Amino acid sequence: MNMQKIFYKPKNSDYFEKLLSLSKVLFEICEKHNIKPIVYGSLAYAFFTQDEKIEINDIDLLIPEEVFPIIIEEIKKQKELSYQETDYNSLKVFQKDVKITFDSIKHYYSGLPENYIEIGRA
């Protein structure tokens, strides 16, 4: 896949930098276990529209729910991270006031096409 770079600063850019820092840790965990999260929600909207007026307060990622235990075990190894399992097929990961959510692709977006754009950071 062809990786796209993010050249984007939302309205709340300081907080967004914290989100990107946490996302880097989580994407490294995913890469280690060959998990390929799909970004959706406000970050995906911002990426495609380049709307710098919106605030991005979290990052939403889709992954298979069966890999949640792998993510949890990796999070437990990092004392600066915490997590919360939900009863609605999601796993929330926190670093202080920053949150990234892994959602079950099966429950949230079953039937998605399998041709995705990979995005990365400059």
N, C-alpha and C. Protein backbone atom coordinates (compact mmCIF):
# COMPACT_ATOMS: atom_id res chain seq x y z
N MET A 1 0.82 -1.19 0.00
CA MET A 1 0.00 0.00 0.00
C MET A 1 0.86 1.25 0.00
N ASN A 2 0.34 2.30 -0.55
CA ASN A 2 1.03 3.57 -0.61
C ASN A 2 0.71 4.37 0.66
N MET A 3 1.74 4.75 1.43
CA MET A 3 1.51 5.48 2.67
C MET A 3 1.36 6.97 2.40
N GLN A 4 0.32 7.58 2.97
CA GLN A 4 0.07 9.01 2.88
C GLN A 4 0.59 9.68 4.15
N LYS A 5 1.18 10.84 4.05
CA LYS A 5 1.66 11.59 5.21
C LYS A 5 0.59 12.57 5.66
N ILE A 6 0.54 12.79 6.97
CA ILE A 6 -0.42 13.76 7.53
C ILE A 6 0.29 15.10 7.70
N PHE A 7 -0.20 16.11 7.00
CA PHE A 7 0.26 17.48 7.17
C PHE A 7 -0.96 18.26 7.63
N TYR A 8 -1.24 18.21 8.90
CA TYR A 8 -2.51 18.72 9.39
C TYR A 8 -2.35 19.20 10.82
N LYS A 9 -2.92 20.33 11.13
CA LYS A 9 -2.94 20.85 12.50
C LYS A 9 -4.37 21.27 12.82
N PRO A 10 -5.04 20.55 13.72
CA PRO A 10 -6.39 20.94 14.08
C PRO A 10 -6.38 22.15 15.01
N LYS A 11 -7.56 22.63 15.30
CA LYS A 11 -7.73 23.79 16.18
C LYS A 11 -7.03 23.57 17.53
N ASN A 12 -7.13 22.38 18.09
CA ASN A 12 -6.50 22.06 19.37
C ASN A 12 -5.17 21.33 19.16
N SER A 13 -4.26 21.98 18.48
CA SER A 13 -3.02 21.32 18.04
C SER A 13 -2.14 20.83 19.18
N ASP A 14 -2.12 21.52 20.33
CA ASP A 14 -1.30 21.04 21.46
C ASP A 14 -1.80 19.68 21.95
N TYR A 15 -3.10 19.57 22.12
CA TYR A 15 -3.69 18.30 22.55
C TYR A 15 -3.50 17.24 21.47
N PHE A 16 -3.65 17.64 20.23
CA PHE A 16 -3.48 16.72 19.11
C PHE A 16 -2.08 16.12 19.12
N GLU A 17 -1.07 16.89 19.47
CA GLU A 17 0.30 16.37 19.56
C GLU A 17 0.39 15.27 20.62
N LYS A 18 -0.34 15.43 21.73
CA LYS A 18 -0.37 14.37 22.76
C LYS A 18 -1.02 13.11 22.21
N LEU A 19 -2.10 13.30 21.45
CA LEU A 19 -2.76 12.16 20.82
C LEU A 19 -1.81 11.43 19.87
N LEU A 20 -1.07 12.18 19.09
CA LEU A 20 -0.13 11.57 18.15
C LEU A 20 0.97 10.81 18.88
N SER A 21 1.39 11.35 20.02
CA SER A 21 2.42 10.67 20.81
C SER A 21 1.91 9.31 21.31
N LEU A 22 0.69 9.29 21.83
CA LEU A 22 0.10 8.03 22.27
C LEU A 22 -0.14 7.10 21.08
N SER A 23 -0.60 7.66 19.98
CA SER A 23 -0.86 6.81 18.81
C SER A 23 0.41 6.14 18.33
N LYS A 24 1.53 6.83 18.43
CA LYS A 24 2.80 6.23 18.01
C LYS A 24 3.10 4.97 18.83
N VAL A 25 2.90 5.06 20.14
CA VAL A 25 3.11 3.90 21.02
C VAL A 25 2.19 2.75 20.62
N LEU A 26 0.91 3.08 20.40
CA LEU A 26 -0.06 2.04 20.08
C LEU A 26 0.16 1.45 18.69
N PHE A 27 0.57 2.28 17.74
CA PHE A 27 0.86 1.75 16.40
C PHE A 27 2.10 0.86 16.41
N GLU A 28 3.05 1.16 17.28
CA GLU A 28 4.22 0.28 17.42
C GLU A 28 3.80 -1.08 17.98
N ILE A 29 2.89 -1.07 18.95
CA ILE A 29 2.35 -2.34 19.48
C ILE A 29 1.66 -3.11 18.37
N CYS A 30 0.83 -2.41 17.61
CA CYS A 30 0.10 -3.06 16.52
C CYS A 30 1.06 -3.63 15.48
N GLU A 31 2.07 -2.86 15.12
CA GLU A 31 3.03 -3.33 14.13
C GLU A 31 3.77 -4.58 14.62
N LYS A 32 4.13 -4.58 15.89
CA LYS A 32 4.83 -5.72 16.49
C LYS A 32 4.02 -7.01 16.34
N HIS A 33 2.70 -6.89 16.38
CA HIS A 33 1.82 -8.06 16.32
C HIS A 33 1.08 -8.17 14.98
N ASN A 34 1.55 -7.44 13.98
CA ASN A 34 0.97 -7.47 12.64
C ASN A 34 -0.53 -7.13 12.65
N ILE A 35 -0.90 -6.18 13.47
CA ILE A 35 -2.27 -5.68 13.54
C ILE A 35 -2.30 -4.38 12.75
N LYS A 36 -3.26 -4.25 11.83
CA LYS A 36 -3.34 -3.05 10.99
C LYS A 36 -4.62 -2.29 11.31
N PRO A 37 -4.54 -1.32 12.23
CA PRO A 37 -5.73 -0.55 12.58
C PRO A 37 -6.19 0.35 11.44
N ILE A 38 -7.47 0.58 11.40
CA ILE A 38 -8.07 1.49 10.42
C ILE A 38 -8.55 2.72 11.18
N VAL A 39 -8.08 3.88 10.77
CA VAL A 39 -8.49 5.14 11.40
C VAL A 39 -9.85 5.55 10.85
N TYR A 40 -10.75 5.92 11.77
CA TYR A 40 -12.03 6.47 11.32
C TYR A 40 -12.43 7.57 12.30
N GLY A 41 -13.60 8.11 12.18
CA GLY A 41 -14.03 9.18 13.07
C GLY A 41 -13.45 10.52 12.70
N SER A 42 -13.26 11.37 13.71
CA SER A 42 -12.86 12.76 13.46
C SER A 42 -11.50 12.88 12.78
N LEU A 43 -10.56 12.01 13.10
CA LEU A 43 -9.25 12.10 12.46
C LEU A 43 -9.35 11.77 10.97
N ALA A 44 -10.11 10.76 10.62
CA ALA A 44 -10.30 10.43 9.21
C ALA A 44 -11.00 11.57 8.48
N TYR A 45 -12.01 12.13 9.12
CA TYR A 45 -12.71 13.28 8.54
C TYR A 45 -11.73 14.43 8.30
N ALA A 46 -10.93 14.75 9.30
CA ALA A 46 -9.98 15.85 9.20
C ALA A 46 -8.94 15.59 8.11
N PHE A 47 -8.47 14.36 8.01
CA PHE A 47 -7.48 14.00 7.00
C PHE A 47 -8.01 14.25 5.60
N PHE A 48 -9.22 13.83 5.35
CA PHE A 48 -9.78 13.96 4.01
C PHE A 48 -10.28 15.35 3.68
N THR A 49 -10.77 16.10 4.69
CA THR A 49 -11.31 17.44 4.41
C THR A 49 -10.30 18.55 4.66
N GLN A 50 -9.24 18.25 5.45
CA GLN A 50 -8.26 19.25 5.87
C GLN A 50 -8.94 20.41 6.63
N ASP A 51 -10.01 20.11 7.32
CA ASP A 51 -10.77 21.09 8.10
C ASP A 51 -10.01 21.38 9.40
N GLU A 52 -9.31 22.50 9.45
CA GLU A 52 -8.51 22.85 10.62
C GLU A 52 -9.32 23.53 11.71
N LYS A 53 -10.61 23.69 11.49
CA LYS A 53 -11.47 24.31 12.50
C LYS A 53 -11.99 23.31 13.53
N ILE A 54 -11.96 22.04 13.20
CA ILE A 54 -12.48 21.06 14.15
C ILE A 54 -11.43 20.74 15.21
N GLU A 55 -11.91 20.26 16.34
CA GLU A 55 -11.03 19.78 17.39
C GLU A 55 -11.04 18.26 17.36
N ILE A 56 -9.88 17.68 17.47
CA ILE A 56 -9.78 16.23 17.54
C ILE A 56 -9.46 15.89 18.99
N ASN A 57 -10.43 15.28 19.66
CA ASN A 57 -10.31 15.01 21.10
C ASN A 57 -9.94 13.56 21.40
N ASP A 58 -10.00 12.71 20.39
CA ASP A 58 -9.57 11.32 20.55
C ASP A 58 -9.30 10.75 19.17
N ILE A 59 -8.77 9.55 19.15
CA ILE A 59 -8.55 8.86 17.89
C ILE A 59 -9.29 7.54 17.97
N ASP A 60 -10.05 7.24 16.93
CA ASP A 60 -10.82 6.01 16.86
C ASP A 60 -10.19 5.08 15.84
N LEU A 61 -9.96 3.84 16.25
CA LEU A 61 -9.32 2.85 15.40
C LEU A 61 -10.15 1.58 15.35
N LEU A 62 -10.23 0.98 14.20
CA LEU A 62 -10.91 -0.30 14.03
C LEU A 62 -9.89 -1.42 13.94
N ILE A 63 -10.10 -2.48 14.73
CA ILE A 63 -9.27 -3.68 14.67
C ILE A 63 -10.17 -4.88 14.96
N PRO A 64 -9.70 -6.08 14.66
CA PRO A 64 -10.48 -7.25 15.04
C PRO A 64 -10.55 -7.37 16.58
N GLU A 65 -11.73 -7.62 17.09
CA GLU A 65 -11.90 -7.70 18.55
C GLU A 65 -11.08 -8.84 19.16
N GLU A 66 -10.81 -9.87 18.38
CA GLU A 66 -10.06 -11.00 18.91
C GLU A 66 -8.61 -10.65 19.25
N VAL A 67 -8.11 -9.49 18.80
CA VAL A 67 -6.75 -9.08 19.17
C VAL A 67 -6.74 -8.11 20.37
N PHE A 68 -7.90 -7.78 20.91
CA PHE A 68 -7.93 -6.93 22.11
C PHE A 68 -7.03 -7.49 23.22
N PRO A 69 -7.08 -8.81 23.53
CA PRO A 69 -6.20 -9.32 24.60
C PRO A 69 -4.72 -9.09 24.34
N ILE A 70 -4.30 -9.12 23.10
CA ILE A 70 -2.89 -8.85 22.76
C ILE A 70 -2.55 -7.40 23.11
N ILE A 71 -3.42 -6.48 22.72
CA ILE A 71 -3.21 -5.06 23.02
C ILE A 71 -3.18 -4.85 24.54
N ILE A 72 -4.10 -5.48 25.24
CA ILE A 72 -4.17 -5.33 26.71
C ILE A 72 -2.87 -5.79 27.36
N GLU A 73 -2.36 -6.94 26.93
CA GLU A 73 -1.12 -7.45 27.52
C GLU A 73 0.04 -6.49 27.29
N GLU A 74 0.11 -5.89 26.13
CA GLU A 74 1.16 -4.92 25.84
C GLU A 74 0.99 -3.64 26.66
N ILE A 75 -0.24 -3.21 26.85
CA ILE A 75 -0.52 -2.01 27.65
C ILE A 75 -0.09 -2.22 29.10
N LYS A 76 -0.34 -3.41 29.61
CA LYS A 76 0.02 -3.73 31.01
C LYS A 76 1.53 -3.61 31.24
N LYS A 77 2.32 -3.74 30.19
CA LYS A 77 3.78 -3.65 30.30
C LYS A 77 4.27 -2.21 30.39
N GLN A 78 3.38 -1.25 30.14
CA GLN A 78 3.78 0.16 30.10
C GLN A 78 3.03 0.92 31.18
N LYS A 79 3.74 1.26 32.25
CA LYS A 79 3.07 1.84 33.42
C LYS A 79 2.42 3.19 33.17
N GLU A 80 2.81 3.90 32.11
CA GLU A 80 2.18 5.20 31.83
C GLU A 80 0.85 5.06 31.11
N LEU A 81 0.50 3.83 30.71
CA LEU A 81 -0.75 3.59 30.00
C LEU A 81 -1.75 2.86 30.89
N SER A 82 -3.03 3.11 30.65
CA SER A 82 -4.10 2.35 31.30
C SER A 82 -5.15 2.04 30.24
N TYR A 83 -6.08 1.18 30.58
CA TYR A 83 -7.10 0.81 29.61
C TYR A 83 -8.42 0.54 30.30
N GLN A 84 -9.47 0.55 29.50
CA GLN A 84 -10.81 0.22 29.98
C GLN A 84 -11.51 -0.58 28.89
N GLU A 85 -11.93 -1.79 29.24
CA GLU A 85 -12.75 -2.57 28.33
C GLU A 85 -14.20 -2.13 28.49
N THR A 86 -14.91 -2.03 27.41
CA THR A 86 -16.31 -1.61 27.49
C THR A 86 -17.23 -2.79 27.20
N ASP A 87 -18.51 -2.60 27.46
CA ASP A 87 -19.48 -3.64 27.13
C ASP A 87 -20.09 -3.40 25.74
N TYR A 88 -19.49 -2.47 24.99
CA TYR A 88 -19.97 -2.20 23.63
C TYR A 88 -18.86 -2.41 22.60
N ASN A 89 -18.06 -3.46 22.82
CA ASN A 89 -17.07 -3.93 21.84
C ASN A 89 -15.97 -2.92 21.53
N SER A 90 -15.49 -2.25 22.56
CA SER A 90 -14.41 -1.27 22.42
C SER A 90 -13.39 -1.44 23.53
N LEU A 91 -12.19 -0.97 23.25
CA LEU A 91 -11.10 -0.95 24.22
C LEU A 91 -10.54 0.47 24.23
N LYS A 92 -10.68 1.15 25.36
CA LYS A 92 -10.17 2.51 25.48
C LYS A 92 -8.79 2.47 26.12
N VAL A 93 -7.86 3.22 25.54
CA VAL A 93 -6.50 3.29 26.06
C VAL A 93 -6.21 4.74 26.44
N PHE A 94 -5.65 4.92 27.64
CA PHE A 94 -5.43 6.25 28.18
C PHE A 94 -3.95 6.46 28.52
N GLN A 95 -3.53 7.69 28.33
CA GLN A 95 -2.24 8.17 28.83
C GLN A 95 -2.55 9.55 29.40
N LYS A 96 -2.68 9.60 30.72
CA LYS A 96 -3.14 10.81 31.41
C LYS A 96 -4.50 11.22 30.86
N ASP A 97 -4.62 12.40 30.27
CA ASP A 97 -5.91 12.89 29.79
C ASP A 97 -6.18 12.58 28.32
N VAL A 98 -5.35 11.76 27.73
CA VAL A 98 -5.46 11.46 26.30
C VAL A 98 -6.07 10.06 26.12
N LYS A 99 -6.99 9.94 25.14
CA LYS A 99 -7.67 8.66 24.92
C LYS A 99 -7.66 8.28 23.45
N ILE A 100 -7.35 7.01 23.22
CA ILE A 100 -7.50 6.41 21.90
C ILE A 100 -8.35 5.17 22.09
N THR A 101 -9.31 4.98 21.19
CA THR A 101 -10.23 3.86 21.31
C THR A 101 -10.04 2.88 20.15
N PHE A 102 -9.90 1.61 20.51
CA PHE A 102 -9.94 0.53 19.54
C PHE A 102 -11.37 0.00 19.53
N ASP A 103 -11.99 -0.02 18.38
CA ASP A 103 -13.34 -0.54 18.23
C ASP A 103 -13.30 -1.80 17.38
N SER A 104 -14.23 -2.69 17.66
CA SER A 104 -14.33 -3.94 16.92
C SER A 104 -14.81 -3.67 15.50
N ILE A 105 -13.99 -4.02 14.53
CA ILE A 105 -14.37 -3.80 13.14
C ILE A 105 -15.62 -4.62 12.80
N LYS A 106 -15.74 -5.79 13.39
CA LYS A 106 -16.90 -6.66 13.12
C LYS A 106 -18.20 -6.00 13.57
N HIS A 107 -18.17 -5.34 14.73
CA HIS A 107 -19.39 -4.74 15.27
C HIS A 107 -19.66 -3.33 14.77
N TYR A 108 -18.61 -2.61 14.40
CA TYR A 108 -18.79 -1.21 13.99
C TYR A 108 -18.90 -1.04 12.49
N TYR A 109 -18.11 -1.79 11.74
CA TYR A 109 -18.07 -1.60 10.29
C TYR A 109 -17.89 -2.90 9.54
N SER A 110 -18.74 -3.85 9.79
CA SER A 110 -18.61 -5.09 9.04
C SER A 110 -18.90 -4.81 7.56
N GLY A 111 -18.20 -5.49 6.71
CA GLY A 111 -18.41 -5.33 5.28
C GLY A 111 -17.63 -4.19 4.65
N LEU A 112 -16.68 -3.61 5.39
CA LEU A 112 -15.84 -2.56 4.79
C LEU A 112 -15.04 -3.14 3.63
N PRO A 113 -14.84 -2.36 2.58
CA PRO A 113 -13.96 -2.84 1.51
C PRO A 113 -12.53 -2.96 2.04
N GLU A 114 -11.73 -3.77 1.41
CA GLU A 114 -10.38 -4.00 1.91
C GLU A 114 -9.32 -3.22 1.16
N ASN A 115 -9.68 -2.15 0.50
CA ASN A 115 -8.68 -1.29 -0.15
C ASN A 115 -8.60 0.01 0.64
N TYR A 116 -7.55 0.14 1.44
CA TYR A 116 -7.37 1.26 2.34
C TYR A 116 -6.17 2.09 1.91
N ILE A 117 -6.16 3.34 2.36
CA ILE A 117 -5.00 4.22 2.20
C ILE A 117 -4.23 4.16 3.50
N GLU A 118 -2.95 3.84 3.47
CA GLU A 118 -2.13 3.88 4.67
C GLU A 118 -1.68 5.31 4.89
N ILE A 119 -1.81 5.78 6.12
CA ILE A 119 -1.36 7.14 6.42
C ILE A 119 -0.23 7.08 7.43
N GLY A 120 0.66 8.04 7.35
CA GLY A 120 1.77 8.14 8.28
C GLY A 120 2.00 9.60 8.58
N ARG A 121 2.94 9.87 9.42
CA ARG A 121 3.22 11.25 9.83
C ARG A 121 4.54 11.68 9.25
N ALA A 122 4.60 12.90 8.79
CA ALA A 122 5.83 13.46 8.21
C ALA A 122 6.92 13.57 9.23
